[in-house]
Amino acid sequence: MSELLTVSEVADILRVDDTTVRRWVKQGALEAVILPHVNERQAYRIKRETLDRVLGDAANQLGGE
């Protein structure tokens, strides 16, 4: 089973704000697991393998492959 990362953890890794990660999830640019929630804010978890794939795709695009 893949490790699940919080929005804050992903934001730290990508060096962006939490709000940006949430926006990417809502836009469908970043796949996430939606957790049941009681609060107003939706709770997300991003699989480590999903983040690794996104980072790998970005590195390939930068490398011109």
PDB file of N, CA and C in Angstrom:
ATOM      1  N   MET A   1       0.847  -1.190   0.000  1.00  0.00           N
ATOM      2  CA  MET A   1       0.000   0.000   0.000  1.00  0.00           C
ATOM      3  C   MET A   1       0.888   1.247   0.000  1.00  0.00           C
ATOM      4  N   SER A   2       0.479   2.217  -0.750  1.00  0.00           N
ATOM      5  CA  SER A   2       1.256   3.442  -0.890  1.00  0.00           C
ATOM      6  C   SER A   2       1.098   4.351   0.329  1.00  0.00           C
ATOM      7  N   GLU A   3       2.173   5.045   0.647  1.00  0.00           N
ATOM      8  CA  GLU A   3       2.141   6.014   1.741  1.00  0.00           C
ATOM      9  C   GLU A   3       1.207   7.167   1.367  1.00  0.00           C
ATOM     10  N   LEU A   4       0.403   7.627   2.315  1.00  0.00           N
ATOM     11  CA  LEU A   4      -0.491   8.752   2.084  1.00  0.00           C
ATOM     12  C   LEU A   4       0.099  10.009   2.707  1.00  0.00           C
ATOM     13  N   LEU A   5       0.151  11.082   1.931  1.00  0.00           N
ATOM     14  CA  LEU A   5       0.705  12.350   2.388  1.00  0.00           C
ATOM     15  C   LEU A   5      -0.404  13.373   2.591  1.00  0.00           C
ATOM     16  N   THR A   6      -0.227  14.232   3.563  1.00  0.00           N
ATOM     17  CA  THR A   6      -1.194  15.308   3.787  1.00  0.00           C
ATOM     18  C   THR A   6      -0.958  16.423   2.770  1.00  0.00           C
ATOM     19  N   VAL A   7      -1.910  17.319   2.683  1.00  0.00           N
ATOM     20  CA  VAL A   7      -1.779  18.481   1.799  1.00  0.00           C
ATOM     21  C   VAL A   7      -0.554  19.298   2.198  1.00  0.00           C
ATOM     22  N   SER A   8      -0.341  19.472   3.481  1.00  0.00           N
ATOM     23  CA  SER A   8       0.812  20.242   3.961  1.00  0.00           C
ATOM     24  C   SER A   8       2.134  19.584   3.588  1.00  0.00           C
ATOM     25  N   GLU A   9       2.204  18.270   3.702  1.00  0.00           N
ATOM     26  CA  GLU A   9       3.425  17.553   3.342  1.00  0.00           C
ATOM     27  C   GLU A   9       3.731  17.705   1.849  1.00  0.00           C
ATOM     28  N   VAL A  10       2.705  17.579   1.024  1.00  0.00           N
ATOM     29  CA  VAL A  10       2.890  17.739  -0.424  1.00  0.00           C
ATOM     30  C   VAL A  10       3.300  19.171  -0.745  1.00  0.00           C
ATOM     31  N   ALA A  11       2.668  20.132  -0.089  1.00  0.00           N
ATOM     32  CA  ALA A  11       3.003  21.543  -0.319  1.00  0.00           C
ATOM     33  C   ALA A  11       4.464  21.806   0.045  1.00  0.00           C
ATOM     34  N   ASP A  12       4.940  21.230   1.134  1.00  0.00           N
ATOM     35  CA  ASP A  12       6.343  21.394   1.537  1.00  0.00           C
ATOM     36  C   ASP A  12       7.289  20.791   0.498  1.00  0.00           C
ATOM     37  N   ILE A  13       6.964  19.602   0.023  1.00  0.00           N
ATOM     38  CA  ILE A  13       7.810  18.931  -0.968  1.00  0.00           C
ATOM     39  C   ILE A  13       7.873  19.739  -2.266  1.00  0.00           C
ATOM     40  N   LEU A  14       6.712  20.261  -2.697  1.00  0.00           N
ATOM     41  CA  LEU A  14       6.648  21.004  -3.963  1.00  0.00           C
ATOM     42  C   LEU A  14       6.993  22.480  -3.805  1.00  0.00           C
ATOM     43  N   ARG A  15       7.169  22.907  -2.542  1.00  0.00           N
ATOM     44  CA  ARG A  15       7.500  24.294  -2.220  1.00  0.00           C
ATOM     45  C   ARG A  15       6.434  25.267  -2.743  1.00  0.00           C
ATOM     46  N   VAL A  16       5.176  24.912  -2.460  1.00  0.00           N
ATOM     47  CA  VAL A  16       4.030  25.758  -2.784  1.00  0.00           C
ATOM     48  C   VAL A  16       3.156  25.874  -1.541  1.00  0.00           C
ATOM     49  N   ASP A  17       2.148  26.707  -1.608  1.00  0.00           N
ATOM     50  CA  ASP A  17       1.217  26.883  -0.499  1.00  0.00           C
ATOM     51  C   ASP A  17       0.197  25.747  -0.470  1.00  0.00           C
ATOM     52  N   ASP A  18      -0.331  25.450   0.709  1.00  0.00           N
ATOM     53  CA  ASP A  18      -1.383  24.429   0.850  1.00  0.00           C
ATOM     54  C   ASP A  18      -2.560  24.700  -0.086  1.00  0.00           C
ATOM     55  N   THR A  19      -2.915  25.964  -0.216  1.00  0.00           N
ATOM     56  CA  THR A  19      -4.044  26.352  -1.061  1.00  0.00           C
ATOM     57  C   THR A  19      -3.814  25.931  -2.510  1.00  0.00           C
ATOM     58  N   THR A  20      -2.587  26.020  -2.961  1.00  0.00           N
ATOM     59  CA  THR A  20      -2.257  25.621  -4.332  1.00  0.00           C
ATOM     60  C   THR A  20      -2.477  24.124  -4.522  1.00  0.00           C
ATOM     61  N   VAL A  21      -2.048  23.332  -3.550  1.00  0.00           N
ATOM     62  CA  VAL A  21      -2.243  21.880  -3.636  1.00  0.00           C
ATOM     63  C   VAL A  21      -3.732  21.555  -3.654  1.00  0.00           C
ATOM     64  N   ARG A  22      -4.499  22.203  -2.785  1.00  0.00           N
ATOM     65  CA  ARG A  22      -5.960  21.981  -2.764  1.00  0.00           C
ATOM     66  C   ARG A  22      -6.596  22.359  -4.102  1.00  0.00           C
ATOM     67  N   ARG A  23      -6.143  23.445  -4.689  1.00  0.00           N
ATOM     68  CA  ARG A  23      -6.670  23.887  -5.984  1.00  0.00           C
ATOM     69  C   ARG A  23      -6.369  22.846  -7.061  1.00  0.00           C
ATOM     70  N   TRP A  24      -5.136  22.318  -7.074  1.00  0.00           N
ATOM     71  CA  TRP A  24      -4.771  21.299  -8.054  1.00  0.00           C
ATOM     72  C   TRP A  24      -5.638  20.051  -7.909  1.00  0.00           C
ATOM     73  N   VAL A  25      -5.936  19.670  -6.657  1.00  0.00           N
ATOM     74  CA  VAL A  25      -6.797  18.511  -6.420  1.00  0.00           C
ATOM     75  C   VAL A  25      -8.196  18.786  -6.951  1.00  0.00           C
ATOM     76  N   LYS A  26      -8.744  19.942  -6.637  1.00  0.00           N
ATOM     77  CA  LYS A  26     -10.105  20.291  -7.085  1.00  0.00           C
ATOM     78  C   LYS A  26     -10.200  20.389  -8.602  1.00  0.00           C
ATOM     79  N   GLN A  27      -9.116  20.834  -9.255  1.00  0.00           N
ATOM     80  CA  GLN A  27      -9.094  20.955 -10.713  1.00  0.00           C
ATOM     81  C   GLN A  27      -8.816  19.621 -11.405  1.00  0.00           C
ATOM     82  N   GLY A  28      -8.443  18.608 -10.625  1.00  0.00           N
ATOM     83  CA  GLY A  28      -8.153  17.300 -11.194  1.00  0.00           C
ATOM     84  C   GLY A  28      -6.724  17.146 -11.689  1.00  0.00           C
ATOM     85  N   ALA A  29      -5.880  18.121 -11.424  1.00  0.00           N
ATOM     86  CA  ALA A  29      -4.483  18.060 -11.853  1.00  0.00           C
ATOM     87  C   ALA A  29      -3.657  17.153 -10.956  1.00  0.00           C
ATOM     88  N   LEU A  30      -4.124  16.925  -9.740  1.00  0.00           N
ATOM     89  CA  LEU A  30      -3.430  16.074  -8.785  1.00  0.00           C
ATOM     90  C   LEU A  30      -4.458  15.130  -8.164  1.00  0.00           C
ATOM     91  N   GLU A  31      -4.249  13.838  -8.353  1.00  0.00           N
ATOM     92  CA  GLU A  31      -5.173  12.830  -7.836  1.00  0.00           C
ATOM     93  C   GLU A  31      -5.031  12.719  -6.319  1.00  0.00           C
ATOM     94  N   ALA A  32      -6.151  12.658  -5.620  1.00  0.00           N
ATOM     95  CA  ALA A  32      -6.127  12.573  -4.161  1.00  0.00           C
ATOM     96  C   ALA A  32      -7.262  11.698  -3.650  1.00  0.00           C
ATOM     97  N   VAL A  33      -7.063  11.193  -2.453  1.00  0.00           N
ATOM     98  CA  VAL A  33      -8.096  10.451  -1.739  1.00  0.00           C
ATOM     99  C   VAL A  33      -8.847  11.471  -0.898  1.00  0.00           C
ATOM    100  N   ILE A  34     -10.174  11.466  -1.000  1.00  0.00           N
ATOM    101  CA  ILE A  34     -10.992  12.400  -0.216  1.00  0.00           C
ATOM    102  C   ILE A  34     -11.472  11.667   1.036  1.00  0.00           C
ATOM    103  N   LEU A  35     -11.120  12.216   2.176  1.00  0.00           N
ATOM    104  CA  LEU A  35     -11.501  11.599   3.447  1.00  0.00           C
ATOM    105  C   LEU A  35     -12.846  12.140   3.921  1.00  0.00           C
ATOM    106  N   PRO A  36     -13.588  11.306   4.646  1.00  0.00           N
ATOM    107  CA  PRO A  36     -14.815  11.821   5.258  1.00  0.00           C
ATOM    108  C   PRO A  36     -14.433  12.961   6.208  1.00  0.00           C
ATOM    109  N   HIS A  37     -15.240  14.000   6.226  1.00  0.00           N
ATOM    110  CA  HIS A  37     -14.881  15.148   7.054  1.00  0.00           C
ATOM    111  C   HIS A  37     -16.083  15.697   7.800  1.00  0.00           C
ATOM    112  N   VAL A  38     -15.780  16.355   8.886  1.00  0.00           N
ATOM    113  CA  VAL A  38     -16.803  16.994   9.703  1.00  0.00           C
ATOM    114  C   VAL A  38     -16.678  18.508   9.559  1.00  0.00           C
ATOM    115  N   ASN A  39     -15.465  18.962   9.366  1.00  0.00           N
ATOM    116  CA  ASN A  39     -15.209  20.400   9.242  1.00  0.00           C
ATOM    117  C   ASN A  39     -15.664  20.928   7.886  1.00  0.00           C
ATOM    118  N   GLU A  40     -15.565  22.245   7.740  1.00  0.00           N
ATOM    119  CA  GLU A  40     -15.931  22.862   6.474  1.00  0.00           C
ATOM    120  C   GLU A  40     -14.950  22.498   5.368  1.00  0.00           C
ATOM    121  N   ARG A  41     -13.688  22.380   5.706  1.00  0.00           N
ATOM    122  CA  ARG A  41     -12.647  22.118   4.710  1.00  0.00           C
ATOM    123  C   ARG A  41     -12.560  20.625   4.404  1.00  0.00           C
ATOM    124  N   GLN A  42     -12.526  20.303   3.111  1.00  0.00           N
ATOM    125  CA  GLN A  42     -12.379  18.927   2.653  1.00  0.00           C
ATOM    126  C   GLN A  42     -10.999  18.398   3.043  1.00  0.00           C
ATOM    127  N   ALA A  43     -10.933  17.156   3.490  1.00  0.00           N
ATOM    128  CA  ALA A  43      -9.660  16.548   3.870  1.00  0.00           C
ATOM    129  C   ALA A  43      -9.174  15.651   2.737  1.00  0.00           C
ATOM    130  N   TYR A  44      -7.942  15.868   2.290  1.00  0.00           N
ATOM    131  CA  TYR A  44      -7.356  15.095   1.203  1.00  0.00           C
ATOM    132  C   TYR A  44      -6.096  14.391   1.667  1.00  0.00           C
ATOM    133  N   ARG A  45      -5.777  13.281   1.006  1.00  0.00           N
ATOM    134  CA  ARG A  45      -4.488  12.620   1.152  1.00  0.00           C
ATOM    135  C   ARG A  45      -4.022  12.275  -0.263  1.00  0.00           C
ATOM    136  N   ILE A  46      -2.742  12.498  -0.498  1.00  0.00           N
ATOM    137  CA  ILE A  46      -2.166  12.240  -1.808  1.00  0.00           C
ATOM    138  C   ILE A  46      -1.221  11.058  -1.662  1.00  0.00           C
ATOM    139  N   LYS A  47      -1.364  10.083  -2.554  1.00  0.00           N
ATOM    140  CA  LYS A  47      -0.491   8.916  -2.521  1.00  0.00           C
ATOM    141  C   LYS A  47       0.921   9.325  -2.907  1.00  0.00           C
ATOM    142  N   ARG A  48       1.912   8.767  -2.215  1.00  0.00           N
ATOM    143  CA  ARG A  48       3.317   9.045  -2.511  1.00  0.00           C
ATOM    144  C   ARG A  48       3.628   8.687  -3.968  1.00  0.00           C
ATOM    145  N   GLU A  49       3.080   7.587  -4.457  1.00  0.00           N
ATOM    146  CA  GLU A  49       3.351   7.170  -5.843  1.00  0.00           C
ATOM    147  C   GLU A  49       2.773   8.181  -6.842  1.00  0.00           C
ATOM    148  N   THR A  50       1.651   8.802  -6.516  1.00  0.00           N
ATOM    149  CA  THR A  50       1.078   9.836  -7.383  1.00  0.00           C
ATOM    150  C   THR A  50       2.001  11.048  -7.437  1.00  0.00           C
ATOM    151  N   LEU A  51       2.499  11.466  -6.283  1.00  0.00           N
ATOM    152  CA  LEU A  51       3.411  12.607  -6.238  1.00  0.00           C
ATOM    153  C   LEU A  51       4.707  12.285  -6.986  1.00  0.00           C
ATOM    154  N   ASP A  52       5.241  11.082  -6.791  1.00  0.00           N
ATOM    155  CA  ASP A  52       6.463  10.678  -7.491  1.00  0.00           C
ATOM    156  C   ASP A  52       6.253  10.691  -9.006  1.00  0.00           C
ATOM    157  N   ARG A  53       5.083  10.241  -9.457  1.00  0.00           N
ATOM    158  CA  ARG A  53       4.771  10.232 -10.885  1.00  0.00           C
ATOM    159  C   ARG A  53       4.702  11.659 -11.429  1.00  0.00           C
ATOM    160  N   VAL A  54       4.058  12.555 -10.684  1.00  0.00           N
ATOM    161  CA  VAL A  54       3.961  13.958 -11.102  1.00  0.00           C
ATOM    162  C   VAL A  54       5.349  14.588 -11.179  1.00  0.00           C
ATOM    163  N   LEU A  55       6.168  14.322 -10.169  1.00  0.00           N
ATOM    164  CA  LEU A  55       7.526  14.867 -10.161  1.00  0.00           C
ATOM    165  C   LEU A  55       8.362  14.276 -11.295  1.00  0.00           C
ATOM    166  N   GLY A  56       8.175  12.987 -11.587  1.00  0.00           N
ATOM    167  CA  GLY A  56       8.901  12.351 -12.682  1.00  0.00           C
ATOM    168  C   GLY A  56       8.489  12.924 -14.022  1.00  0.00           C
ATOM    169  N   ASP A  57       7.192  13.169 -14.213  1.00  0.00           N
ATOM    170  CA  ASP A  57       6.703  13.769 -15.453  1.00  0.00           C
ATOM    171  C   ASP A  57       7.262  15.160 -15.639  1.00  0.00           C
ATOM    172  N   ALA A  58       7.307  15.932 -14.565  1.00  0.00           N
ATOM    173  CA  ALA A  58       7.837  17.295 -14.634  1.00  0.00           C
ATOM    174  C   ALA A  58       9.325  17.279 -14.965  1.00  0.00           C
ATOM    175  N   ALA A  59      10.067  16.350 -14.384  1.00  0.00           N
ATOM    176  CA  ALA A  59      11.510  16.253 -14.651  1.00  0.00           C
ATOM    177  C   ALA A  59      11.756  15.864 -16.101  1.00  0.00           C
ATOM    178  N   ASN A  60      10.936  14.976 -16.641  1.00  0.00           N
ATOM    179  CA  ASN A  60      11.083  14.567 -18.039  1.00  0.00           C
ATOM    180  C   ASN A  60      10.786  15.722 -18.992  1.00  0.00           C
ATOM    181  N   GLN A  61       9.803  16.530 -18.665  1.00  0.00           N
ATOM    182  CA  GLN A  61       9.469  17.682 -19.501  1.00  0.00           C
ATOM    183  C   GLN A  61      10.594  18.721 -19.466  1.00  0.00           C
ATOM    184  N   LEU A  62      11.186  18.920 -18.307  1.00  0.00           N
ATOM    185  CA  LEU A  62      12.285  19.874 -18.180  1.00  0.00           C
ATOM    186  C   LEU A  62      13.529  19.376 -18.915  1.00  0.00           C
ATOM    187  N   GLY A  63      13.712  18.062 -18.934  1.00  0.00           N
ATOM    188  CA  GLY A  63      14.863  17.467 -19.577  1.00  0.00           C
ATOM    189  C   GLY A  63      14.712  17.351 -21.080  1.00  0.00           C
ATOM    190  N   GLY A  64      13.533  17.656 -21.590  1.00  0.00           N
ATOM    191  CA  GLY A  64      13.300  17.621 -23.030  1.00  0.00           C
ATOM    192  C   GLY A  64      13.093  16.226 -23.592  1.00  0.00           C
ATOM    193  N   GLU A  65      12.781  15.287 -22.729  1.00  0.00           N
ATOM    194  CA  GLU A  65      12.546  13.907 -23.196  1.00  0.00           C
ATOM    195  C   GLU A  65      11.147  13.735 -23.707  1.00  0.00           C
TER     196      GLU A  65
END
